[in-house]
């Protein structure tokens, strides 16, 4: 029995490793979150695009809004995690997240939504693996193609066409900032109609974009 379990474990381990390597080069298939969107009646609208087909404004906006240390960390922002833990301890009725873009990709592609310790442990593992195997540019590309950006809307191309009637390659700075501002909860913080939260936050995102646009590490990632 133990030998059988070891064999199954090894098969599963090598299968997921091959899958991670494949996703460095090919588009991800439908995810658990996207299947849930279909089952809940929210639909599934996604169009994969390559990194060069996405405006630099969109790439910069999500970094400015979601993870300003993205080029510098190894998948985890430990200072932000400590702040989130302290906040959640003081206010247990509210939950403040501290996920990096890398962690969000690991969760969106390989896992399910939730806050169990098992899921968080797996998230740590997959975050480490994609940082090691994919690299920052590929992680950002997958994020921009898979992140939920509205009810049933996944990825920057689908969001751009839904909200602004043109492709992601033509997103302006303000348009990209609006989409990025909705990302904490895109089903609730809507771009069209413009929710009060997005209306307040997107000017802040634009200011952060102005501050970050000259950073050489960020320029290197978003120039691809």
C-alpha atoms as a PDB file:
ATOM      1  CA  UNK A   1       0.000   0.000   0.000  1.00  0.00           C
ATOM      2  CA  UNK A   2       2.801   2.425   0.917  1.00  0.00           C
ATOM      3  CA  UNK A   3       4.645   1.623  -2.324  1.00  0.00           C
ATOM      4  CA  UNK A   4       1.452   2.304  -4.288  1.00  0.00           C
ATOM      5  CA  UNK A   5       0.957   5.641  -2.551  1.00  0.00           C
ATOM      6  CA  UNK A   6       4.567   6.588  -3.283  1.00  0.00           C
ATOM      7  CA  UNK A   7       4.091   5.691  -6.941  1.00  0.00           C
ATOM      8  CA  UNK A   8       0.896   7.778  -7.157  1.00  0.00           C
ATOM      9  CA  UNK A   9       2.651  10.693  -5.453  1.00  0.00           C
ATOM     10  CA  UNK A  10       5.566  10.545  -7.886  1.00  0.00           C
ATOM     11  CA  UNK A  11       3.214  10.407 -10.884  1.00  0.00           C
ATOM     12  CA  UNK A  12       1.246  13.412  -9.630  1.00  0.00           C
ATOM     13  CA  UNK A  13       4.417  15.328  -8.809  1.00  0.00           C
ATOM     14  CA  UNK A  14       5.957  14.859 -12.250  1.00  0.00           C
ATOM     15  CA  UNK A  15       2.610  15.521 -13.958  1.00  0.00           C
ATOM     16  CA  UNK A  16       2.200  18.902 -12.276  1.00  0.00           C
ATOM     17  CA  UNK A  17       5.845  19.740 -12.954  1.00  0.00           C
ATOM     18  CA  UNK A  18       5.371  19.042 -16.662  1.00  0.00           C
ATOM     19  CA  UNK A  19       2.173  21.116 -16.600  1.00  0.00           C
ATOM     20  CA  UNK A  20       3.963  24.087 -15.033  1.00  0.00           C
ATOM     21  CA  UNK A  21       6.701  23.890 -17.668  1.00  0.00           C
ATOM     22  CA  UNK A  22       4.150  23.653 -20.498  1.00  0.00           C
ATOM     23  CA  UNK A  23       2.315  26.735 -19.261  1.00  0.00           C
ATOM     24  CA  UNK A  24       5.476  28.765 -19.677  1.00  0.00           C
ATOM     25  CA  UNK A  25       4.930  28.415 -23.427  1.00  0.00           C
ATOM     26  CA  UNK A  26       1.202  27.748 -24.009  1.00  0.00           C
ATOM     27  CA  UNK A  27      -2.053  29.394 -22.936  1.00  0.00           C
ATOM     28  CA  UNK A  28      -3.694  28.065 -19.811  1.00  0.00           C
ATOM     29  CA  UNK A  29      -6.895  26.068 -20.276  1.00  0.00           C
ATOM     30  CA  UNK A  30     -10.023  26.942 -18.332  1.00  0.00           C
ATOM     31  CA  UNK A  31      -9.461  27.291 -14.585  1.00  0.00           C
ATOM     32  CA  UNK A  32     -11.519  26.303 -11.543  1.00  0.00           C
ATOM     33  CA  UNK A  33     -12.514  29.940 -10.986  1.00  0.00           C
ATOM     34  CA  UNK A  34     -13.665  30.262 -14.589  1.00  0.00           C
ATOM     35  CA  UNK A  35     -15.671  27.035 -14.379  1.00  0.00           C
ATOM     36  CA  UNK A  36     -17.312  28.388 -11.209  1.00  0.00           C
ATOM     37  CA  UNK A  37     -18.202  31.573 -13.097  1.00  0.00           C
ATOM     38  CA  UNK A  38     -20.015  29.517 -15.734  1.00  0.00           C
ATOM     39  CA  UNK A  39     -21.853  27.408 -13.138  1.00  0.00           C
ATOM     40  CA  UNK A  40     -22.935  30.530 -11.238  1.00  0.00           C
ATOM     41  CA  UNK A  41     -24.443  31.965 -14.406  1.00  0.00           C
ATOM     42  CA  UNK A  42     -21.923  34.797 -14.794  1.00  0.00           C
ATOM     43  CA  UNK A  43     -20.582  33.408 -18.080  1.00  0.00           C
ATOM     44  CA  UNK A  44     -17.062  33.125 -19.390  1.00  0.00           C
ATOM     45  CA  UNK A  45     -15.542  35.794 -21.618  1.00  0.00           C
ATOM     46  CA  UNK A  46     -11.789  35.470 -22.225  1.00  0.00           C
ATOM     47  CA  UNK A  47      -9.467  36.074 -25.158  1.00  0.00           C
ATOM     48  CA  UNK A  48      -5.782  35.260 -24.837  1.00  0.00           C
ATOM     49  CA  UNK A  49      -3.334  37.823 -26.205  1.00  0.00           C
ATOM     50  CA  UNK A  50       0.449  37.937 -26.287  1.00  0.00           C
ATOM     51  CA  UNK A  51       2.443  40.355 -24.171  1.00  0.00           C
ATOM     52  CA  UNK A  52       3.250  42.627 -27.128  1.00  0.00           C
ATOM     53  CA  UNK A  53      -0.503  42.918 -27.842  1.00  0.00           C
ATOM     54  CA  UNK A  54      -1.135  44.559 -24.472  1.00  0.00           C
ATOM     55  CA  UNK A  55      -0.469  48.258 -23.976  1.00  0.00           C
ATOM     56  CA  UNK A  56       2.362  49.222 -21.657  1.00  0.00           C
ATOM     57  CA  UNK A  57      -0.182  51.307 -19.758  1.00  0.00           C
ATOM     58  CA  UNK A  58      -2.118  48.157 -18.804  1.00  0.00           C
ATOM     59  CA  UNK A  59       1.014  46.356 -17.637  1.00  0.00           C
ATOM     60  CA  UNK A  60       2.122  49.346 -15.600  1.00  0.00           C
ATOM     61  CA  UNK A  61      -1.356  49.891 -14.141  1.00  0.00           C
ATOM     62  CA  UNK A  62      -1.711  46.423 -12.628  1.00  0.00           C
ATOM     63  CA  UNK A  63       1.779  46.604 -11.110  1.00  0.00           C
ATOM     64  CA  UNK A  64       1.016  50.060  -9.682  1.00  0.00           C
ATOM     65  CA  UNK A  65      -2.309  48.923  -8.269  1.00  0.00           C
ATOM     66  CA  UNK A  66      -1.628  45.356  -7.152  1.00  0.00           C
ATOM     67  CA  UNK A  67       2.080  44.789  -6.526  1.00  0.00           C
ATOM     68  CA  UNK A  68       4.556  47.652  -6.769  1.00  0.00           C
ATOM     69  CA  UNK A  69       7.436  45.448  -5.622  1.00  0.00           C
ATOM     70  CA  UNK A  70       6.689  42.845  -8.310  1.00  0.00           C
ATOM     71  CA  UNK A  71      10.090  43.120 -10.068  1.00  0.00           C
ATOM     72  CA  UNK A  72      12.019  42.883  -6.805  1.00  0.00           C
ATOM     73  CA  UNK A  73      10.460  40.130  -4.685  1.00  0.00           C
ATOM     74  CA  UNK A  74      10.751  36.373  -5.110  1.00  0.00           C
ATOM     75  CA  UNK A  75       7.004  35.824  -5.085  1.00  0.00           C
ATOM     76  CA  UNK A  76       6.122  37.079  -1.611  1.00  0.00           C
ATOM     77  CA  UNK A  77       5.955  40.548  -0.063  1.00  0.00           C
ATOM     78  CA  UNK A  78       6.716  39.657   3.551  1.00  0.00           C
ATOM     79  CA  UNK A  79       6.315  43.194   4.909  1.00  0.00           C
ATOM     80  CA  UNK A  80       2.853  43.420   3.394  1.00  0.00           C
ATOM     81  CA  UNK A  81       1.979  39.976   4.745  1.00  0.00           C
ATOM     82  CA  UNK A  82       2.945  41.099   8.265  1.00  0.00           C
ATOM     83  CA  UNK A  83       0.790  44.222   7.925  1.00  0.00           C
ATOM     84  CA  UNK A  84      -2.169  42.139   6.710  1.00  0.00           C
ATOM     85  CA  UNK A  85      -1.817  39.681   9.598  1.00  0.00           C
ATOM     86  CA  UNK A  86      -1.724  42.521  12.123  1.00  0.00           C
ATOM     87  CA  UNK A  87      -4.757  44.177  10.521  1.00  0.00           C
ATOM     88  CA  UNK A  88      -6.773  40.956  10.433  1.00  0.00           C
ATOM     89  CA  UNK A  89      -5.933  40.285  14.087  1.00  0.00           C
ATOM     90  CA  UNK A  90      -7.168  43.728  15.123  1.00  0.00           C
ATOM     91  CA  UNK A  91     -10.267  43.538  12.931  1.00  0.00           C
ATOM     92  CA  UNK A  92     -11.278  39.864  12.646  1.00  0.00           C
ATOM     93  CA  UNK A  93     -14.543  40.818  10.969  1.00  0.00           C
ATOM     94  CA  UNK A  94     -12.624  42.140   7.969  1.00  0.00           C
ATOM     95  CA  UNK A  95     -10.018  40.432   5.829  1.00  0.00           C
ATOM     96  CA  UNK A  96      -7.100  42.283   4.273  1.00  0.00           C
ATOM     97  CA  UNK A  97      -5.121  40.431   1.647  1.00  0.00           C
ATOM     98  CA  UNK A  98      -1.429  40.708   0.855  1.00  0.00           C
ATOM     99  CA  UNK A  99      -1.108  38.557  -2.241  1.00  0.00           C
ATOM    100  CA  UNK A 100       1.472  39.475  -4.845  1.00  0.00           C
ATOM    101  CA  UNK A 101       0.759  39.166  -8.561  1.00  0.00           C
ATOM    102  CA  UNK A 102       2.728  35.899  -8.501  1.00  0.00           C
ATOM    103  CA  UNK A 103       0.560  34.495  -5.709  1.00  0.00           C
ATOM    104  CA  UNK A 104      -2.609  35.530  -7.512  1.00  0.00           C
ATOM    105  CA  UNK A 105      -1.447  33.743 -10.662  1.00  0.00           C
ATOM    106  CA  UNK A 106      -0.602  30.599  -8.684  1.00  0.00           C
ATOM    107  CA  UNK A 107      -4.060  30.642  -7.123  1.00  0.00           C
ATOM    108  CA  UNK A 108      -5.940  31.474 -10.319  1.00  0.00           C
ATOM    109  CA  UNK A 109      -4.223  28.899 -12.530  1.00  0.00           C
ATOM    110  CA  UNK A 110      -3.597  25.909 -10.291  1.00  0.00           C
ATOM    111  CA  UNK A 111      -5.962  26.190  -7.329  1.00  0.00           C
ATOM    112  CA  UNK A 112      -9.407  27.202  -6.127  1.00  0.00           C
ATOM    113  CA  UNK A 113     -10.767  30.171  -4.190  1.00  0.00           C
ATOM    114  CA  UNK A 114     -10.687  29.869  -0.419  1.00  0.00           C
ATOM    115  CA  UNK A 115      -8.647  30.440   2.723  1.00  0.00           C
ATOM    116  CA  UNK A 116      -7.846  26.963   4.015  1.00  0.00           C
ATOM    117  CA  UNK A 117      -4.316  26.194   5.202  1.00  0.00           C
ATOM    118  CA  UNK A 118      -4.036  23.418   2.604  1.00  0.00           C
ATOM    119  CA  UNK A 119      -4.798  25.853  -0.217  1.00  0.00           C
ATOM    120  CA  UNK A 120      -2.420  28.460   1.179  1.00  0.00           C
ATOM    121  CA  UNK A 121       0.334  25.851   1.446  1.00  0.00           C
ATOM    122  CA  UNK A 122      -0.176  24.819  -2.167  1.00  0.00           C
ATOM    123  CA  UNK A 123      -0.223  28.485  -3.165  1.00  0.00           C
ATOM    124  CA  UNK A 124       3.233  28.935  -1.621  1.00  0.00           C
ATOM    125  CA  UNK A 125       4.529  25.931  -3.558  1.00  0.00           C
ATOM    126  CA  UNK A 126       3.111  26.997  -6.942  1.00  0.00           C
ATOM    127  CA  UNK A 127       4.223  30.602  -6.410  1.00  0.00           C
ATOM    128  CA  UNK A 128       7.770  29.441  -5.824  1.00  0.00           C
ATOM    129  CA  UNK A 129       7.656  27.186  -8.898  1.00  0.00           C
ATOM    130  CA  UNK A 130       6.362  29.772 -11.357  1.00  0.00           C
ATOM    131  CA  UNK A 131       8.847  32.349 -10.079  1.00  0.00           C
ATOM    132  CA  UNK A 132      11.628  29.828 -10.668  1.00  0.00           C
ATOM    133  CA  UNK A 133      10.399  28.380 -13.994  1.00  0.00           C
ATOM    134  CA  UNK A 134       8.418  31.151 -15.698  1.00  0.00           C
ATOM    135  CA  UNK A 135      10.054  34.415 -14.663  1.00  0.00           C
ATOM    136  CA  UNK A 136       8.429  37.817 -14.139  1.00  0.00           C
ATOM    137  CA  UNK A 137       7.414  38.626 -17.705  1.00  0.00           C
ATOM    138  CA  UNK A 138       5.552  35.363 -18.205  1.00  0.00           C
ATOM    139  CA  UNK A 139       3.882  35.651 -14.798  1.00  0.00           C
ATOM    140  CA  UNK A 140       2.603  39.125 -15.674  1.00  0.00           C
ATOM    141  CA  UNK A 141       1.434  37.928 -19.095  1.00  0.00           C
ATOM    142  CA  UNK A 142      -0.572  35.082 -17.550  1.00  0.00           C
ATOM    143  CA  UNK A 143      -1.989  37.420 -14.920  1.00  0.00           C
ATOM    144  CA  UNK A 144      -3.175  39.865 -17.561  1.00  0.00           C
ATOM    145  CA  UNK A 145      -4.839  37.039 -19.487  1.00  0.00           C
ATOM    146  CA  UNK A 146      -6.464  35.172 -16.598  1.00  0.00           C
ATOM    147  CA  UNK A 147      -7.377  37.626 -13.816  1.00  0.00           C
ATOM    148  CA  UNK A 148     -11.067  38.251 -13.292  1.00  0.00           C
ATOM    149  CA  UNK A 149     -11.880  41.808 -14.379  1.00  0.00           C
ATOM    150  CA  UNK A 150     -15.654  41.795 -14.051  1.00  0.00           C
ATOM    151  CA  UNK A 151     -18.483  39.303 -13.758  1.00  0.00           C
ATOM    152  CA  UNK A 152     -17.625  36.554 -16.232  1.00  0.00           C
ATOM    153  CA  UNK A 153     -14.858  38.707 -17.741  1.00  0.00           C
ATOM    154  CA  UNK A 154     -11.343  37.285 -17.594  1.00  0.00           C
ATOM    155  CA  UNK A 155      -8.244  38.970 -18.907  1.00  0.00           C
ATOM    156  CA  UNK A 156      -7.341  42.409 -20.143  1.00  0.00           C
ATOM    157  CA  UNK A 157      -8.423  41.839 -23.757  1.00  0.00           C
ATOM    158  CA  UNK A 158     -11.978  40.841 -22.827  1.00  0.00           C
ATOM    159  CA  UNK A 159     -12.184  43.679 -20.292  1.00  0.00           C
ATOM    160  CA  UNK A 160     -10.910  46.271 -22.744  1.00  0.00           C
ATOM    161  CA  UNK A 161     -13.402  45.267 -25.420  1.00  0.00           C
ATOM    162  CA  UNK A 162     -16.273  45.075 -22.915  1.00  0.00           C
ATOM    163  CA  UNK A 163     -15.666  48.429 -21.260  1.00  0.00           C
ATOM    164  CA  UNK A 164     -13.965  50.547 -23.927  1.00  0.00           C
ATOM    165  CA  UNK A 165     -14.837  48.842 -27.235  1.00  0.00           C
ATOM    166  CA  UNK A 166     -11.259  48.368 -28.394  1.00  0.00           C
ATOM    167  CA  UNK A 167      -8.396  45.920 -27.942  1.00  0.00           C
ATOM    168  CA  UNK A 168      -5.996  45.885 -24.993  1.00  0.00           C
ATOM    169  CA  UNK A 169      -3.228  47.198 -27.244  1.00  0.00           C
ATOM    170  CA  UNK A 170      -5.045  50.556 -27.414  1.00  0.00           C
ATOM    171  CA  UNK A 171      -5.799  51.056 -23.718  1.00  0.00           C
ATOM    172  CA  UNK A 172      -5.047  54.567 -22.533  1.00  0.00           C
ATOM    173  CA  UNK A 173      -3.528  55.351 -19.142  1.00  0.00           C
ATOM    174  CA  UNK A 174      -6.852  56.297 -17.562  1.00  0.00           C
ATOM    175  CA  UNK A 175      -8.659  53.281 -19.040  1.00  0.00           C
ATOM    176  CA  UNK A 176      -5.964  50.895 -17.806  1.00  0.00           C
ATOM    177  CA  UNK A 177      -6.043  52.545 -14.368  1.00  0.00           C
ATOM    178  CA  UNK A 178      -9.809  52.056 -14.119  1.00  0.00           C
ATOM    179  CA  UNK A 179      -9.527  48.341 -14.853  1.00  0.00           C
ATOM    180  CA  UNK A 180      -6.620  47.956 -12.422  1.00  0.00           C
ATOM    181  CA  UNK A 181      -8.524  49.848  -9.715  1.00  0.00           C
ATOM    182  CA  UNK A 182     -11.340  47.284  -9.872  1.00  0.00           C
ATOM    183  CA  UNK A 183      -9.103  44.258  -9.279  1.00  0.00           C
ATOM    184  CA  UNK A 184      -9.549  43.837  -5.504  1.00  0.00           C
ATOM    185  CA  UNK A 185     -13.151  42.799  -6.229  1.00  0.00           C
ATOM    186  CA  UNK A 186     -14.088  43.317  -9.899  1.00  0.00           C
ATOM    187  CA  UNK A 187     -17.574  41.839  -9.500  1.00  0.00           C
ATOM    188  CA  UNK A 188     -18.371  44.512  -6.922  1.00  0.00           C
ATOM    189  CA  UNK A 189     -16.107  47.402  -7.954  1.00  0.00           C
ATOM    190  CA  UNK A 190     -17.365  47.867 -11.497  1.00  0.00           C
ATOM    191  CA  UNK A 191     -15.731  49.788 -14.342  1.00  0.00           C
ATOM    192  CA  UNK A 192     -18.951  50.230 -16.315  1.00  0.00           C
ATOM    193  CA  UNK A 193     -20.911  51.707 -14.626  1.00  0.00           C
ATOM    194  CA  UNK A 194     -18.072  53.355 -12.751  1.00  0.00           C
ATOM    195  CA  UNK A 195     -18.423  52.378  -9.092  1.00  0.00           C
ATOM    196  CA  UNK A 196     -17.602  54.905  -6.326  1.00  0.00           C
ATOM    197  CA  UNK A 197     -14.611  52.763  -5.282  1.00  0.00           C
ATOM    198  CA  UNK A 198     -13.082  52.712  -8.773  1.00  0.00           C
ATOM    199  CA  UNK A 199     -13.874  56.404  -9.224  1.00  0.00           C
ATOM    200  CA  UNK A 200     -11.890  57.202  -6.066  1.00  0.00           C
ATOM    201  CA  UNK A 201      -9.047  54.753  -6.651  1.00  0.00           C
ATOM    202  CA  UNK A 202      -8.141  55.072 -10.324  1.00  0.00           C
ATOM    203  CA  UNK A 203      -6.662  58.609 -10.006  1.00  0.00           C
ATOM    204  CA  UNK A 204      -4.417  57.197  -7.243  1.00  0.00           C
ATOM    205  CA  UNK A 205      -3.396  54.348  -9.581  1.00  0.00           C
ATOM    206  CA  UNK A 206      -2.476  56.902 -12.232  1.00  0.00           C
ATOM    207  CA  UNK A 207      -0.306  58.808  -9.757  1.00  0.00           C
ATOM    208  CA  UNK A 208       1.450  55.585  -8.805  1.00  0.00           C
ATOM    209  CA  UNK A 209       1.995  54.840 -12.499  1.00  0.00           C
ATOM    210  CA  UNK A 210       3.667  58.237 -12.887  1.00  0.00           C
ATOM    211  CA  UNK A 211       5.943  57.443  -9.952  1.00  0.00           C
ATOM    212  CA  UNK A 212       6.882  53.972 -11.194  1.00  0.00           C
ATOM    213  CA  UNK A 213       7.205  54.464 -14.943  1.00  0.00           C
ATOM    214  CA  UNK A 214      10.890  55.387 -14.747  1.00  0.00           C
ATOM    215  CA  UNK A 215      11.902  52.355 -12.678  1.00  0.00           C
ATOM    216  CA  UNK A 216      14.361  50.381 -14.851  1.00  0.00           C
ATOM    217  CA  UNK A 217      13.229  46.974 -13.556  1.00  0.00           C
ATOM    218  CA  UNK A 218       9.588  47.747 -14.281  1.00  0.00           C
ATOM    219  CA  UNK A 219      10.470  49.206 -17.692  1.00  0.00           C
ATOM    220  CA  UNK A 220      12.290  45.976 -18.521  1.00  0.00           C
ATOM    221  CA  UNK A 221       9.225  43.857 -17.717  1.00  0.00           C
ATOM    222  CA  UNK A 222       6.568  45.969 -19.438  1.00  0.00           C
ATOM    223  CA  UNK A 223       8.612  46.628 -22.589  1.00  0.00           C
ATOM    224  CA  UNK A 224       8.151  43.051 -23.859  1.00  0.00           C
END
